[in-house]
Every structure is written in structure tokens, then in C-alpha cells.
PDB file of N, CA and C in Angstrom:
ATOM      1  N   MET A   1       1.984 -15.509  -8.820  1.00  0.00           N
ATOM      2  CA  MET A   1       1.467 -14.439  -8.509  1.00  0.00           C
ATOM      3  C   MET A   1       1.697 -13.446  -7.541  1.00  0.00           C
ATOM      4  N   ALA A   2       1.777 -12.323  -7.457  1.00  0.00           N
ATOM      5  CA  ALA A   2       2.138 -11.466  -6.411  1.00  0.00           C
ATOM      6  C   ALA A   2       0.862 -10.973  -5.561  1.00  0.00           C
ATOM      7  N   LYS A   3       1.029 -11.124  -4.316  1.00  0.00           N
ATOM      8  CA  LYS A   3      -0.106 -10.754  -3.481  1.00  0.00           C
ATOM      9  C   LYS A   3      -0.042  -9.494  -2.916  1.00  0.00           C
ATOM     10  N   ILE A   4      -1.193  -8.940  -2.839  1.00  0.00           N
ATOM     11  CA  ILE A   4      -1.157  -7.056  -2.497  1.00  0.00           C
ATOM     12  C   ILE A   4      -2.249  -6.847  -1.572  1.00  0.00           C
ATOM     13  N   LEU A   5      -1.730  -6.156  -0.241  1.00  0.00           N
ATOM     14  CA  LEU A   5      -2.451  -5.660   0.803  1.00  0.00           C
ATOM     15  C   LEU A   5      -2.877  -4.309   0.590  1.00  0.00           C
ATOM     16  N   ILE A   6      -4.334  -4.069   0.442  1.00  0.00           N
ATOM     17  CA  ILE A   6      -4.453  -3.073   0.532  1.00  0.00           C
ATOM     18  C   ILE A   6      -5.435  -2.443   1.646  1.00  0.00           C
ATOM     19  N   VAL A   7      -4.696  -1.639   2.270  1.00  0.00           N
ATOM     20  CA  VAL A   7      -5.282  -0.501   3.501  1.00  0.00           C
ATOM     21  C   VAL A   7      -5.737   0.613   3.094  1.00  0.00           C
ATOM     22  N   ASP A   8      -7.375   0.846   3.377  1.00  0.00           N
ATOM     23  CA  ASP A   8      -8.105   1.968   3.234  1.00  0.00           C
ATOM     24  C   ASP A   8      -8.984   1.597   3.932  1.00  0.00           C
ATOM     25  N   ASP A   9      -9.544   2.962   4.444  1.00  0.00           N
ATOM     26  CA  ASP A   9     -10.650   2.750   5.205  1.00  0.00           C
ATOM     27  C   ASP A   9     -12.274   3.205   4.323  1.00  0.00           C
ATOM     28  N   GLU A  10     -11.761   3.283   3.166  1.00  0.00           N
ATOM     29  CA  GLU A  10     -12.935   3.644   1.941  1.00  0.00           C
ATOM     30  C   GLU A  10     -13.527   2.335   1.192  1.00  0.00           C
ATOM     31  N   GLU A  11     -14.612   1.716   1.426  1.00  0.00           N
ATOM     32  CA  GLU A  11     -14.987   0.642   0.870  1.00  0.00           C
ATOM     33  C   GLU A  11     -14.632   0.895  -0.509  1.00  0.00           C
ATOM     34  N   HIS A  12     -15.589   1.920  -1.058  1.00  0.00           N
ATOM     35  CA  HIS A  12     -15.136   1.891  -2.956  1.00  0.00           C
ATOM     36  C   HIS A  12     -14.053   1.907  -3.120  1.00  0.00           C
ATOM     37  N   ILE A  13     -12.987   2.511  -2.333  1.00  0.00           N
ATOM     38  CA  ILE A  13     -11.567   2.610  -2.874  1.00  0.00           C
ATOM     39  C   ILE A  13     -11.066   0.677  -2.681  1.00  0.00           C
ATOM     40  N   ARG A  14     -11.620   0.364  -1.454  1.00  0.00           N
ATOM     41  CA  ARG A  14     -10.789  -1.053  -1.519  1.00  0.00           C
ATOM     42  C   ARG A  14     -11.461  -1.926  -2.881  1.00  0.00           C
ATOM     43  N   TYR A  15     -12.772  -1.578  -3.064  1.00  0.00           N
ATOM     44  CA  TYR A  15     -13.348  -2.427  -4.068  1.00  0.00           C
ATOM     45  C   TYR A  15     -12.873  -2.180  -5.380  1.00  0.00           C
ATOM     46  N   LEU A  16     -12.902  -1.014  -5.533  1.00  0.00           N
ATOM     47  CA  LEU A  16     -12.179  -0.567  -7.128  1.00  0.00           C
ATOM     48  C   LEU A  16     -10.716  -1.158  -7.062  1.00  0.00           C
ATOM     49  N   TYR A  17      -9.878  -0.948  -5.993  1.00  0.00           N
ATOM     50  CA  TYR A  17      -8.384  -1.368  -6.550  1.00  0.00           C
ATOM     51  C   TYR A  17      -8.570  -3.074  -6.371  1.00  0.00           C
ATOM     52  N   SER A  18      -9.033  -3.514  -5.742  1.00  0.00           N
ATOM     53  CA  SER A  18      -9.304  -4.972  -5.608  1.00  0.00           C
ATOM     54  C   SER A  18      -9.782  -5.692  -6.861  1.00  0.00           C
ATOM     55  N   GLU A  19     -10.692  -4.892  -7.487  1.00  0.00           N
ATOM     56  CA  GLU A  19     -11.346  -5.342  -8.762  1.00  0.00           C
ATOM     57  C   GLU A  19     -10.131  -5.284 -10.124  1.00  0.00           C
ATOM     58  N   GLU A  20      -9.542  -3.840 -10.003  1.00  0.00           N
ATOM     59  CA  GLU A  20      -8.700  -3.471 -10.943  1.00  0.00           C
ATOM     60  C   GLU A  20      -7.414  -4.549 -10.936  1.00  0.00           C
ATOM     61  N   LEU A  21      -7.141  -4.569  -9.578  1.00  0.00           N
ATOM     62  CA  LEU A  21      -5.703  -5.346  -9.497  1.00  0.00           C
ATOM     63  C   LEU A  21      -5.765  -6.897  -9.820  1.00  0.00           C
ATOM     64  N   SER A  22      -6.928  -7.598  -9.213  1.00  0.00           N
ATOM     65  CA  SER A  22      -7.336  -8.976  -9.317  1.00  0.00           C
ATOM     66  C   SER A  22      -6.923  -9.203 -11.206  1.00  0.00           C
ATOM     67  N   GLU A  23      -8.033  -8.516 -11.901  1.00  0.00           N
ATOM     68  CA  GLU A  23      -8.047  -8.395 -13.475  1.00  0.00           C
ATOM     69  C   GLU A  23      -6.366  -8.180 -13.732  1.00  0.00           C
ATOM     70  N   ALA A  24      -5.730  -7.483 -13.328  1.00  0.00           N
ATOM     71  CA  ALA A  24      -4.365  -7.237 -13.776  1.00  0.00           C
ATOM     72  C   ALA A  24      -3.356  -8.581 -13.343  1.00  0.00           C
ATOM     73  N   GLY A  25      -3.911  -9.500 -12.510  1.00  0.00           N
ATOM     74  CA  GLY A  25      -3.213 -11.134 -12.223  1.00  0.00           C
ATOM     75  C   GLY A  25      -2.728 -10.908 -10.948  1.00  0.00           C
ATOM     76  N   TYR A  26      -3.263 -10.054  -9.761  1.00  0.00           N
ATOM     77  CA  TYR A  26      -2.733 -10.162  -8.563  1.00  0.00           C
ATOM     78  C   TYR A  26      -3.624 -10.463  -7.924  1.00  0.00           C
ATOM     79  N   GLU A  27      -2.975 -11.393  -6.422  1.00  0.00           N
ATOM     80  CA  GLU A  27      -4.074 -11.669  -5.611  1.00  0.00           C
ATOM     81  C   GLU A  27      -3.961 -10.542  -4.887  1.00  0.00           C
ATOM     82  N   VAL A  28      -5.402 -10.574  -4.385  1.00  0.00           N
ATOM     83  CA  VAL A  28      -5.248  -9.186  -3.334  1.00  0.00           C
ATOM     84  C   VAL A  28      -6.277  -9.513  -2.569  1.00  0.00           C
ATOM     85  N   ILE A  29      -5.865  -8.717  -1.234  1.00  0.00           N
ATOM     86  CA  ILE A  29      -6.419  -9.075   0.359  1.00  0.00           C
ATOM     87  C   ILE A  29      -6.694  -7.411   0.405  1.00  0.00           C
ATOM     88  N   THR A  30      -7.581  -7.491   1.367  1.00  0.00           N
ATOM     89  CA  THR A  30      -8.458  -5.865   1.864  1.00  0.00           C
ATOM     90  C   THR A  30      -8.142  -5.722   3.318  1.00  0.00           C
ATOM     91  N   ALA A  31      -7.483  -4.444   3.850  1.00  0.00           N
ATOM     92  CA  ALA A  31      -7.962  -4.205   5.263  1.00  0.00           C
ATOM     93  C   ALA A  31      -8.660  -2.729   5.394  1.00  0.00           C
ATOM     94  N   ASP A  32      -9.839  -2.785   6.312  1.00  0.00           N
ATOM     95  CA  ASP A  32     -10.335  -1.444   6.236  1.00  0.00           C
ATOM     96  C   ASP A  32      -9.671  -0.387   7.206  1.00  0.00           C
ATOM     97  N   SER A  33      -8.751  -0.741   8.189  1.00  0.00           N
ATOM     98  CA  SER A  33      -7.886   0.387   8.968  1.00  0.00           C
ATOM     99  C   SER A  33      -6.532  -0.474   9.092  1.00  0.00           C
ATOM    100  N   GLY A  34      -5.829   0.385  10.042  1.00  0.00           N
ATOM    101  CA  GLY A  34      -4.559  -0.103  10.571  1.00  0.00           C
ATOM    102  C   GLY A  34      -4.633  -1.139  11.713  1.00  0.00           C
ATOM    103  N   HIS A  35      -5.695  -1.616  12.134  1.00  0.00           N
ATOM    104  CA  HIS A  35      -5.951  -2.492  13.440  1.00  0.00           C
ATOM    105  C   HIS A  35      -5.182  -3.552  13.123  1.00  0.00           C
ATOM    106  N   LYS A  36      -4.424  -3.889  13.932  1.00  0.00           N
ATOM    107  CA  LYS A  36      -3.770  -5.160  14.056  1.00  0.00           C
ATOM    108  C   LYS A  36      -3.044  -5.755  12.202  1.00  0.00           C
ATOM    109  N   LEU A  37      -2.298  -4.459  11.772  1.00  0.00           N
ATOM    110  CA  LEU A  37      -1.899  -4.296  10.441  1.00  0.00           C
ATOM    111  C   LEU A  37      -0.833  -5.213  10.777  1.00  0.00           C
ATOM    112  N   LEU A  38      -0.079  -5.243  11.615  1.00  0.00           N
ATOM    113  CA  LEU A  38       1.414  -6.094  11.644  1.00  0.00           C
ATOM    114  C   LEU A  38       1.146  -7.488  11.722  1.00  0.00           C
ATOM    115  N   GLU A  39       0.310  -7.608  12.576  1.00  0.00           N
ATOM    116  CA  GLU A  39      -0.393  -9.063  12.630  1.00  0.00           C
ATOM    117  C   GLU A  39      -0.796  -9.765  11.108  1.00  0.00           C
ATOM    118  N   ARG A  40      -1.508  -8.851  10.647  1.00  0.00           N
ATOM    119  CA  ARG A  40      -1.972  -9.310   9.039  1.00  0.00           C
ATOM    120  C   ARG A  40      -0.939  -9.390   8.293  1.00  0.00           C
ATOM    121  N   ILE A  41      -0.122  -8.533   8.243  1.00  0.00           N
ATOM    122  CA  ILE A  41       1.187  -8.762   7.384  1.00  0.00           C
ATOM    123  C   ILE A  41       1.919  -9.760   7.897  1.00  0.00           C
ATOM    124  N   ASN A  42       2.158 -10.134   8.874  1.00  0.00           N
ATOM    125  CA  ASN A  42       3.008 -11.565   9.430  1.00  0.00           C
ATOM    126  C   ASN A  42       2.184 -12.798   8.858  1.00  0.00           C
ATOM    127  N   GLU A  43       0.661 -12.687   9.125  1.00  0.00           N
ATOM    128  CA  GLU A  43       0.080 -13.897   8.555  1.00  0.00           C
ATOM    129  C   GLU A  43       0.014 -13.947   6.793  1.00  0.00           C
ATOM    130  N   GLU A  44      -0.392 -13.030   6.288  1.00  0.00           N
ATOM    131  CA  GLU A  44      -0.776 -13.119   5.218  1.00  0.00           C
ATOM    132  C   GLU A  44       0.660 -13.225   4.083  1.00  0.00           C
ATOM    133  N   LYS A  45       1.836 -12.797   4.451  1.00  0.00           N
ATOM    134  CA  LYS A  45       2.657 -12.213   3.978  1.00  0.00           C
ATOM    135  C   LYS A  45       2.496 -11.783   2.227  1.00  0.00           C
ATOM    136  N   PRO A  46       2.051 -10.418   2.204  1.00  0.00           N
ATOM    137  CA  PRO A  46       2.036  -9.858   1.077  1.00  0.00           C
ATOM    138  C   PRO A  46       3.223  -9.574   0.254  1.00  0.00           C
ATOM    139  N   ASP A  47       2.857  -9.598  -0.877  1.00  0.00           N
ATOM    140  CA  ASP A  47       4.580  -8.863  -1.673  1.00  0.00           C
ATOM    141  C   ASP A  47       4.531  -7.377  -1.460  1.00  0.00           C
ATOM    142  N   LEU A  48       3.435  -6.665  -1.549  1.00  0.00           N
ATOM    143  CA  LEU A  48       3.738  -5.231  -1.354  1.00  0.00           C
ATOM    144  C   LEU A  48       2.242  -4.464  -0.584  1.00  0.00           C
ATOM    145  N   VAL A  49       2.538  -3.600   0.034  1.00  0.00           N
ATOM    146  CA  VAL A  49       1.060  -3.006   0.855  1.00  0.00           C
ATOM    147  C   VAL A  49       1.009  -1.468   0.190  1.00  0.00           C
ATOM    148  N   VAL A  50      -0.321  -1.401  -0.327  1.00  0.00           N
ATOM    149  CA  VAL A  50      -0.961  -0.106  -0.806  1.00  0.00           C
ATOM    150  C   VAL A  50      -1.577   0.513   0.099  1.00  0.00           C
ATOM    151  N   LEU A  51      -0.985   1.416   0.679  1.00  0.00           N
ATOM    152  CA  LEU A  51      -1.513   2.037   2.144  1.00  0.00           C
ATOM    153  C   LEU A  51      -1.893   3.663   1.747  1.00  0.00           C
ATOM    154  N   ASP A  52      -3.545   3.775   2.514  1.00  0.00           N
ATOM    155  CA  ASP A  52      -3.699   4.995   2.399  1.00  0.00           C
ATOM    156  C   ASP A  52      -2.984   5.844   3.793  1.00  0.00           C
ATOM    157  N   ILE A  53      -3.016   6.927   3.367  1.00  0.00           N
ATOM    158  CA  ILE A  53      -2.622   7.969   4.287  1.00  0.00           C
ATOM    159  C   ILE A  53      -3.596   8.523   5.601  1.00  0.00           C
ATOM    160  N   LYS A  54      -5.011   9.099   4.905  1.00  0.00           N
ATOM    161  CA  LYS A  54      -5.395   9.451   5.847  1.00  0.00           C
ATOM    162  C   LYS A  54      -6.501   8.609   5.663  1.00  0.00           C
ATOM    163  N   MET A  55      -6.717   7.931   7.108  1.00  0.00           N
ATOM    164  CA  MET A  55      -7.797   7.175   7.497  1.00  0.00           C
ATOM    165  C   MET A  55      -8.416   7.678   9.088  1.00  0.00           C
ATOM    166  N   VAL A  56      -9.606   7.350   8.937  1.00  0.00           N
ATOM    167  CA  VAL A  56     -10.447   7.831  10.079  1.00  0.00           C
ATOM    168  C   VAL A  56      -9.801   7.535  11.611  1.00  0.00           C
ATOM    169  N   ASP A  57      -9.193   6.602  11.774  1.00  0.00           N
ATOM    170  CA  ASP A  57      -8.681   5.854  13.037  1.00  0.00           C
ATOM    171  C   ASP A  57      -7.147   5.885  13.073  1.00  0.00           C
ATOM    172  N   TYR A  58      -6.518   5.881  11.916  1.00  0.00           N
ATOM    173  CA  TYR A  58      -5.223   5.504  11.697  1.00  0.00           C
ATOM    174  C   TYR A  58      -4.588   6.676  10.808  1.00  0.00           C
ATOM    175  N   ASN A  59      -3.033   7.197  11.236  1.00  0.00           N
ATOM    176  CA  ASN A  59      -2.574   7.716  10.151  1.00  0.00           C
ATOM    177  C   ASN A  59      -1.642   6.864   9.572  1.00  0.00           C
ATOM    178  N   GLY A  60      -1.632   6.842   8.344  1.00  0.00           N
ATOM    179  CA  GLY A  60      -1.085   6.074   7.436  1.00  0.00           C
ATOM    180  C   GLY A  60       0.703   5.982   7.542  1.00  0.00           C
ATOM    181  N   LEU A  61       1.261   7.608   7.603  1.00  0.00           N
ATOM    182  CA  LEU A  61       2.566   7.675   7.949  1.00  0.00           C
ATOM    183  C   LEU A  61       3.149   6.818   9.222  1.00  0.00           C
ATOM    184  N   ASP A  62       2.461   6.571  10.571  1.00  0.00           N
ATOM    185  CA  ASP A  62       2.489   6.196  11.488  1.00  0.00           C
ATOM    186  C   ASP A  62       3.034   4.643  11.064  1.00  0.00           C
ATOM    187  N   LEU A  63       1.814   4.218  10.452  1.00  0.00           N
ATOM    188  CA  LEU A  63       1.673   2.613  10.080  1.00  0.00           C
ATOM    189  C   LEU A  63       2.772   2.296   9.070  1.00  0.00           C
ATOM    190  N   LEU A  64       3.291   3.237   8.167  1.00  0.00           N
ATOM    191  CA  LEU A  64       4.384   3.176   7.489  1.00  0.00           C
ATOM    192  C   LEU A  64       5.862   2.716   8.147  1.00  0.00           C
ATOM    193  N   GLN A  65       5.857   3.628   9.318  1.00  0.00           N
ATOM    194  CA  GLN A  65       6.833   3.261   9.958  1.00  0.00           C
ATOM    195  C   GLN A  65       6.941   2.173  10.718  1.00  0.00           C
ATOM    196  N   ASP A  66       5.841   1.706  11.204  1.00  0.00           N
ATOM    197  CA  ASP A  66       5.449   0.214  11.903  1.00  0.00           C
ATOM    198  C   ASP A  66       5.800  -0.514  11.080  1.00  0.00           C
ATOM    199  N   ILE A  67       5.747  -0.534   9.716  1.00  0.00           N
ATOM    200  CA  ILE A  67       5.905  -1.602   8.592  1.00  0.00           C
ATOM    201  C   ILE A  67       7.249  -1.779   8.444  1.00  0.00           C
ATOM    202  N   ARG A  68       7.831  -0.388   8.479  1.00  0.00           N
ATOM    203  CA  ARG A  68       9.334  -0.555   8.025  1.00  0.00           C
ATOM    204  C   ARG A  68      10.297  -0.983   8.926  1.00  0.00           C
ATOM    205  N   ASN A  69       9.770  -0.628  10.274  1.00  0.00           N
ATOM    206  CA  ASN A  69      10.804  -1.249  11.466  1.00  0.00           C
ATOM    207  C   ASN A  69      10.255  -2.684  11.592  1.00  0.00           C
ATOM    208  N   ASN A  70       9.190  -3.375  11.260  1.00  0.00           N
ATOM    209  CA  ASN A  70       9.201  -4.717  11.257  1.00  0.00           C
ATOM    210  C   ASN A  70       9.319  -5.769   9.899  1.00  0.00           C
ATOM    211  N   PHE A  71       8.932  -4.777   8.943  1.00  0.00           N
ATOM    212  CA  PHE A  71       9.130  -5.615   7.616  1.00  0.00           C
ATOM    213  C   PHE A  71      10.076  -4.895   6.714  1.00  0.00           C
ATOM    214  N   TYR A  72      11.066  -4.606   7.004  1.00  0.00           N
ATOM    215  CA  TYR A  72      12.043  -3.482   6.464  1.00  0.00           C
ATOM    216  C   TYR A  72      12.063  -3.554   4.715  1.00  0.00           C
ATOM    217  N   ASP A  73      11.866  -5.029   4.411  1.00  0.00           N
ATOM    218  CA  ASP A  73      12.034  -5.109   2.766  1.00  0.00           C
ATOM    219  C   ASP A  73      10.811  -4.981   2.106  1.00  0.00           C
ATOM    220  N   LEU A  74       9.689  -4.824   2.902  1.00  0.00           N
ATOM    221  CA  LEU A  74       8.446  -4.925   2.223  1.00  0.00           C
ATOM    222  C   LEU A  74       7.935  -3.775   1.402  1.00  0.00           C
ATOM    223  N   PRO A  75       7.825  -3.676   0.138  1.00  0.00           N
ATOM    224  CA  PRO A  75       7.548  -2.471  -0.795  1.00  0.00           C
ATOM    225  C   PRO A  75       6.107  -2.018  -0.566  1.00  0.00           C
ATOM    226  N   VAL A  76       6.046  -0.519  -0.038  1.00  0.00           N
ATOM    227  CA  VAL A  76       4.999   0.161   0.407  1.00  0.00           C
ATOM    228  C   VAL A  76       4.756   1.349  -0.843  1.00  0.00           C
ATOM    229  N   VAL A  77       3.240   1.199  -1.203  1.00  0.00           N
ATOM    230  CA  VAL A  77       2.882   2.433  -2.027  1.00  0.00           C
ATOM    231  C   VAL A  77       2.010   3.064  -1.467  1.00  0.00           C
ATOM    232  N   LEU A  78       2.300   4.504  -0.962  1.00  0.00           N
ATOM    233  CA  LEU A  78       1.314   5.225  -0.339  1.00  0.00           C
ATOM    234  C   LEU A  78       0.320   5.998  -1.341  1.00  0.00           C
ATOM    235  N   CYS A  79      -0.654   5.759  -0.912  1.00  0.00           N
ATOM    236  CA  CYS A  79      -1.754   6.192  -1.605  1.00  0.00           C
ATOM    237  C   CYS A  79      -2.790   7.509  -0.711  1.00  0.00           C
ATOM    238  N   THR A  80      -2.927   8.575  -1.645  1.00  0.00           N
ATOM    239  CA  THR A  80      -3.436   9.378  -0.705  1.00  0.00           C
ATOM    240  C   THR A  80      -4.153  10.888  -1.779  1.00  0.00           C
ATOM    241  N   ALA A  81      -5.219  11.305  -1.563  1.00  0.00           N
ATOM    242  CA  ALA A  81      -5.906  12.429  -2.299  1.00  0.00           C
ATOM    243  C   ALA A  81      -5.124  13.461  -2.344  1.00  0.00           C
ATOM    244  N   TYR A  82      -4.159  13.688  -1.022  1.00  0.00           N
ATOM    245  CA  TYR A  82      -3.724  14.931  -1.181  1.00  0.00           C
ATOM    246  C   TYR A  82      -2.175  14.612  -1.429  1.00  0.00           C
ATOM    247  N   ASP A  83      -1.249  15.942  -1.628  1.00  0.00           N
ATOM    248  CA  ASP A  83       0.015  15.680  -2.133  1.00  0.00           C
ATOM    249  C   ASP A  83       0.801  16.164  -1.089  1.00  0.00           C
ATOM    250  N   THR A  84       0.391  16.915  -0.197  1.00  0.00           N
ATOM    251  CA  THR A  84       0.897  17.578   1.090  1.00  0.00           C
ATOM    252  C   THR A  84       1.737  16.744   1.849  1.00  0.00           C
ATOM    253  N   PHE A  85       1.512  15.231   1.831  1.00  0.00           N
ATOM    254  CA  PHE A  85       2.332  14.456   2.961  1.00  0.00           C
ATOM    255  C   PHE A  85       3.721  14.414   2.258  1.00  0.00           C
ATOM    256  N   LYS A  86       3.922  15.008   1.185  1.00  0.00           N
ATOM    257  CA  LYS A  86       5.313  14.637   0.694  1.00  0.00           C
ATOM    258  C   LYS A  86       6.165  15.458   1.747  1.00  0.00           C
ATOM    259  N   GLU A  87       5.588  16.621   2.334  1.00  0.00           N
ATOM    260  CA  GLU A  87       6.334  17.442   3.281  1.00  0.00           C
ATOM    261  C   GLU A  87       6.561  16.827   4.292  1.00  0.00           C
ATOM    262  N   ASP A  88       6.015  15.534   5.026  1.00  0.00           N
ATOM    263  CA  ASP A  88       6.539  14.770   6.086  1.00  0.00           C
ATOM    264  C   ASP A  88       7.425  13.963   5.833  1.00  0.00           C
ATOM    265  N   MET A  89       8.324  14.190   6.849  1.00  0.00           N
ATOM    266  CA  MET A  89       9.743  13.376   6.618  1.00  0.00           C
ATOM    267  C   MET A  89       9.523  11.890   6.550  1.00  0.00           C
ATOM    268  N   LYS A  90       8.506  11.664   7.368  1.00  0.00           N
ATOM    269  CA  LYS A  90       8.331  10.041   7.510  1.00  0.00           C
ATOM    270  C   LYS A  90       7.740   9.417   6.466  1.00  0.00           C
ATOM    271  N   SER A  91       7.306  10.193   5.225  1.00  0.00           N
ATOM    272  CA  SER A  91       6.693   9.515   4.076  1.00  0.00           C
ATOM    273  C   SER A  91       7.863   9.317   3.439  1.00  0.00           C
ATOM    274  N   ILE A  92       9.347   9.567   3.643  1.00  0.00           N
ATOM    275  CA  ILE A  92      10.289   9.130   2.628  1.00  0.00           C
ATOM    276  C   ILE A  92      10.706   7.625   2.744  1.00  0.00           C
ATOM    277  N   ALA A  93      10.083   6.799   3.843  1.00  0.00           N
ATOM    278  CA  ALA A  93      10.021   5.465   4.006  1.00  0.00           C
ATOM    279  C   ALA A  93       9.295   4.637   3.207  1.00  0.00           C
ATOM    280  N   ALA A  94       8.504   5.300   2.255  1.00  0.00           N
ATOM    281  CA  ALA A  94       7.702   4.634   1.263  1.00  0.00           C
ATOM    282  C   ALA A  94       8.580   4.503  -0.037  1.00  0.00           C
ATOM    283  N   ASP A  95       8.231   3.436  -0.646  1.00  0.00           N
ATOM    284  CA  ASP A  95       8.736   3.354  -2.125  1.00  0.00           C
ATOM    285  C   ASP A  95       8.230   4.168  -3.180  1.00  0.00           C
ATOM    286  N   PHE A  96       6.907   4.237  -2.978  1.00  0.00           N
ATOM    287  CA  PHE A  96       6.402   5.120  -4.044  1.00  0.00           C
ATOM    288  C   PHE A  96       4.985   5.923  -3.364  1.00  0.00           C
ATOM    289  N   TYR A  97       4.574   6.902  -4.527  1.00  0.00           N
ATOM    290  CA  TYR A  97       3.562   7.603  -3.724  1.00  0.00           C
ATOM    291  C   TYR A  97       2.782   7.977  -5.185  1.00  0.00           C
ATOM    292  N   VAL A  98       1.192   7.592  -4.614  1.00  0.00           N
ATOM    293  CA  VAL A  98       0.312   7.722  -5.897  1.00  0.00           C
ATOM    294  C   VAL A  98      -0.862   8.714  -5.390  1.00  0.00           C
ATOM    295  N   ILE A  99      -1.107   9.630  -6.103  1.00  0.00           N
ATOM    296  CA  ILE A  99      -2.611  10.411  -5.983  1.00  0.00           C
ATOM    297  C   ILE A  99      -3.713   9.557  -6.187  1.00  0.00           C
ATOM    298  N   LYS A 100      -4.816   9.523  -5.517  1.00  0.00           N
ATOM    299  CA  LYS A 100      -5.761   8.710  -5.687  1.00  0.00           C
ATOM    300  C   LYS A 100      -6.356   9.237  -6.852  1.00  0.00           C
ATOM    301  N   SER A 101      -7.115   8.308  -7.694  1.00  0.00           N
ATOM    302  CA  SER A 101      -7.631   8.769  -8.846  1.00  0.00           C
ATOM    303  C   SER A 101      -8.426   7.330  -9.455  1.00  0.00           C
ATOM    304  N   PHE A 102      -9.525   7.531 -10.144  1.00  0.00           N
ATOM    305  CA  PHE A 102     -10.085   6.556 -10.351  1.00  0.00           C
ATOM    306  C   PHE A 102      -9.660   5.637 -11.649  1.00  0.00           C
ATOM    307  N   ASP A 103      -8.536   6.607 -12.142  1.00  0.00           N
ATOM    308  CA  ASP A 103      -7.682   5.701 -13.237  1.00  0.00           C
ATOM    309  C   ASP A 103      -6.445   5.238 -12.388  1.00  0.00           C
ATOM    310  N   LEU A 104      -6.464   4.051 -12.734  1.00  0.00           N
ATOM    311  CA  LEU A 104      -5.422   3.394 -11.686  1.00  0.00           C
ATOM    312  C   LEU A 104      -3.978   2.886 -12.567  1.00  0.00           C
ATOM    313  N   THR A 105      -3.886   3.570 -13.639  1.00  0.00           N
ATOM    314  CA  THR A 105      -2.490   3.032 -14.459  1.00  0.00           C
ATOM    315  C   THR A 105      -1.425   3.388 -13.694  1.00  0.00           C
ATOM    316  N   GLU A 106      -1.128   4.696 -13.045  1.00  0.00           N
ATOM    317  CA  GLU A 106      -0.177   5.208 -12.132  1.00  0.00           C
ATOM    318  C   GLU A 106      -0.072   4.139 -11.148  1.00  0.00           C
ATOM    319  N   LEU A 107      -0.954   3.773 -10.591  1.00  0.00           N
ATOM    320  CA  LEU A 107      -0.671   2.944  -9.385  1.00  0.00           C
ATOM    321  C   LEU A 107      -0.261   1.414  -9.774  1.00  0.00           C
ATOM    322  N   LYS A 108      -0.782   1.052 -10.776  1.00  0.00           N
ATOM    323  CA  LYS A 108      -0.478  -0.233 -11.440  1.00  0.00           C
ATOM    324  C   LYS A 108       1.175  -0.315 -11.890  1.00  0.00           C
ATOM    325  N   ASN A 109       1.609   0.722 -12.486  1.00  0.00           N
ATOM    326  CA  ASN A 109       2.654   1.030 -12.734  1.00  0.00           C
ATOM    327  C   ASN A 109       3.802   1.217 -11.805  1.00  0.00           C
ATOM    328  N   LYS A 110       3.409   1.725 -10.400  1.00  0.00           N
ATOM    329  CA  LYS A 110       4.291   1.961  -9.348  1.00  0.00           C
ATOM    330  C   LYS A 110       4.384   0.676  -8.695  1.00  0.00           C
ATOM    331  N   ILE A 111       3.067  -0.353  -8.687  1.00  0.00           N
ATOM    332  CA  ILE A 111       3.140  -1.541  -8.018  1.00  0.00           C
ATOM    333  C   ILE A 111       4.360  -2.470  -9.039  1.00  0.00           C
ATOM    334  N   THR A 112       4.140  -2.478 -10.097  1.00  0.00           N
ATOM    335  CA  THR A 112       4.944  -3.197 -11.170  1.00  0.00           C
ATOM    336  C   THR A 112       6.476  -2.792 -10.676  1.00  0.00           C
ATOM    337  N   MET A 113       6.505  -1.164 -10.560  1.00  0.00           N
ATOM    338  CA  MET A 113       8.046  -0.939 -10.213  1.00  0.00           C
ATOM    339  C   MET A 113       8.415  -1.348  -9.053  1.00  0.00           C
ATOM    340  N   ALA A 114       7.659  -1.320  -8.040  1.00  0.00           N
ATOM    341  CA  ALA A 114       7.994  -1.756  -6.709  1.00  0.00           C
ATOM    342  C   ALA A 114       8.327  -3.407  -6.617  1.00  0.00           C
ATOM    343  N   LEU A 115       7.513  -3.939  -7.120  1.00  0.00           N
ATOM    344  CA  LEU A 115       7.769  -5.702  -7.120  1.00  0.00           C
ATOM    345  C   LEU A 115       8.958  -5.720  -8.004  1.00  0.00           C
ATOM    346  N   GLU A 116       9.171  -5.248  -8.949  1.00  0.00           N
ATOM    347  CA  GLU A 116      10.482  -5.368  -9.575  1.00  0.00           C
ATOM    348  C   GLU A 116      11.728  -5.057  -8.792  1.00  0.00           C
ATOM    349  N   ALA A 117      11.935  -3.961  -8.397  1.00  0.00           N
ATOM    350  CA  ALA A 117      12.733  -3.638  -7.148  1.00  0.00           C
ATOM    351  C   ALA A 117      12.966  -4.693  -6.293  1.00  0.00           C
ATOM    352  N   GLY A 118      12.153  -4.882  -5.814  1.00  0.00           N
ATOM    353  CA  GLY A 118      11.934  -5.866  -4.607  1.00  0.00           C
ATOM    354  C   GLY A 118      12.747  -7.464  -5.200  1.00  0.00           C
ATOM    355  N   GLY A 119      12.160  -7.760  -6.231  1.00  0.00           N
ATOM    356  CA  GLY A 119      12.494  -8.989  -6.873  1.00  0.00           C
ATOM    357  C   GLY A 119      13.952  -8.852  -6.966  1.00  0.00           C
ATOM    358  N   GLU A 120      14.767  -7.503  -7.496  1.00  0.00           N
ATOM    359  CA  GLU A 120      16.042  -7.773  -7.646  1.00  0.00           C
ATOM    360  C   GLU A 120      16.905  -7.730  -6.498  1.00  0.00           C
ATOM    361  N   ALA A 121      16.659  -7.195  -5.408  1.00  0.00           N
ATOM    362  CA  ALA A 121      16.902  -6.978  -4.068  1.00  0.00           C
ATOM    363  C   ALA A 121      17.417  -8.486  -3.499  1.00  0.00           C
ATOM    364  N   GLU A 122      16.241  -9.471  -3.720  1.00  0.00           N
ATOM    365  CA  GLU A 122      16.761 -10.935  -3.321  1.00  0.00           C
ATOM    366  C   GLU A 122      17.942 -11.926  -3.750  1.00  0.00           C
TER     367      GLU A 122
END
């Protein structure tokens, strides 16, 4: 069973994603900010990170750079309510992007694709 770390400062989003992804058969852990995120990843060893871009105290794109610098092969799916982030060069380090929605079909599809791609690389 793949373990997914959801990083989002909105509680209802974390809850929604946790419920849906748990039902889809994933083990889900959550973080409400980027605080000590690298330590958390090191401890929990998730198979994939779902990362919000706009959080109150953290810029998800900066966190993405930190993740890439420390956990190069860890798949990251960026989640955002806006699509303007695609213009930011830092965003190219992500494996996939998903625009936030209450319909998680696209998110689940991207997670499946990212995990499959990661599995083939090993």
C-alpha cells in the first residue's frame, strides 16, 4: 500500500483528500504546513507528496525545491486553486499539477501515474 503525504494548510482540504485517498486504498498522512517538512518526509518515508502551493506561512514551490534537493526521486503532485504557478520556473520540478477541485478524479489519476512512473524507475 502506497503512503501519501498531503501538505495543505486548509483543514477541509486535508480531510477531503484523506478520506478519498484512504477509500482508494492509500495510507494517508497529513501536514498542515511546511514546518519541518523534510524531517517529516525522512521519518515517514512517503511514496508520494501532494503539495499545496499557496499556504499561509510557506511557498509550496520553495518547499518543492527543498524536497527535490533532499529526496530527488520522491514524486510530488502540486495542488493549487490557480494555474498561474505554471509560469514559475520552480514548478517544473514537480511530477504533476492538479487544479484543486472537490472532484478528486484528476488527483487520483495523477497519483496513480506518478507512483507507476516511480516504480518503473527502481
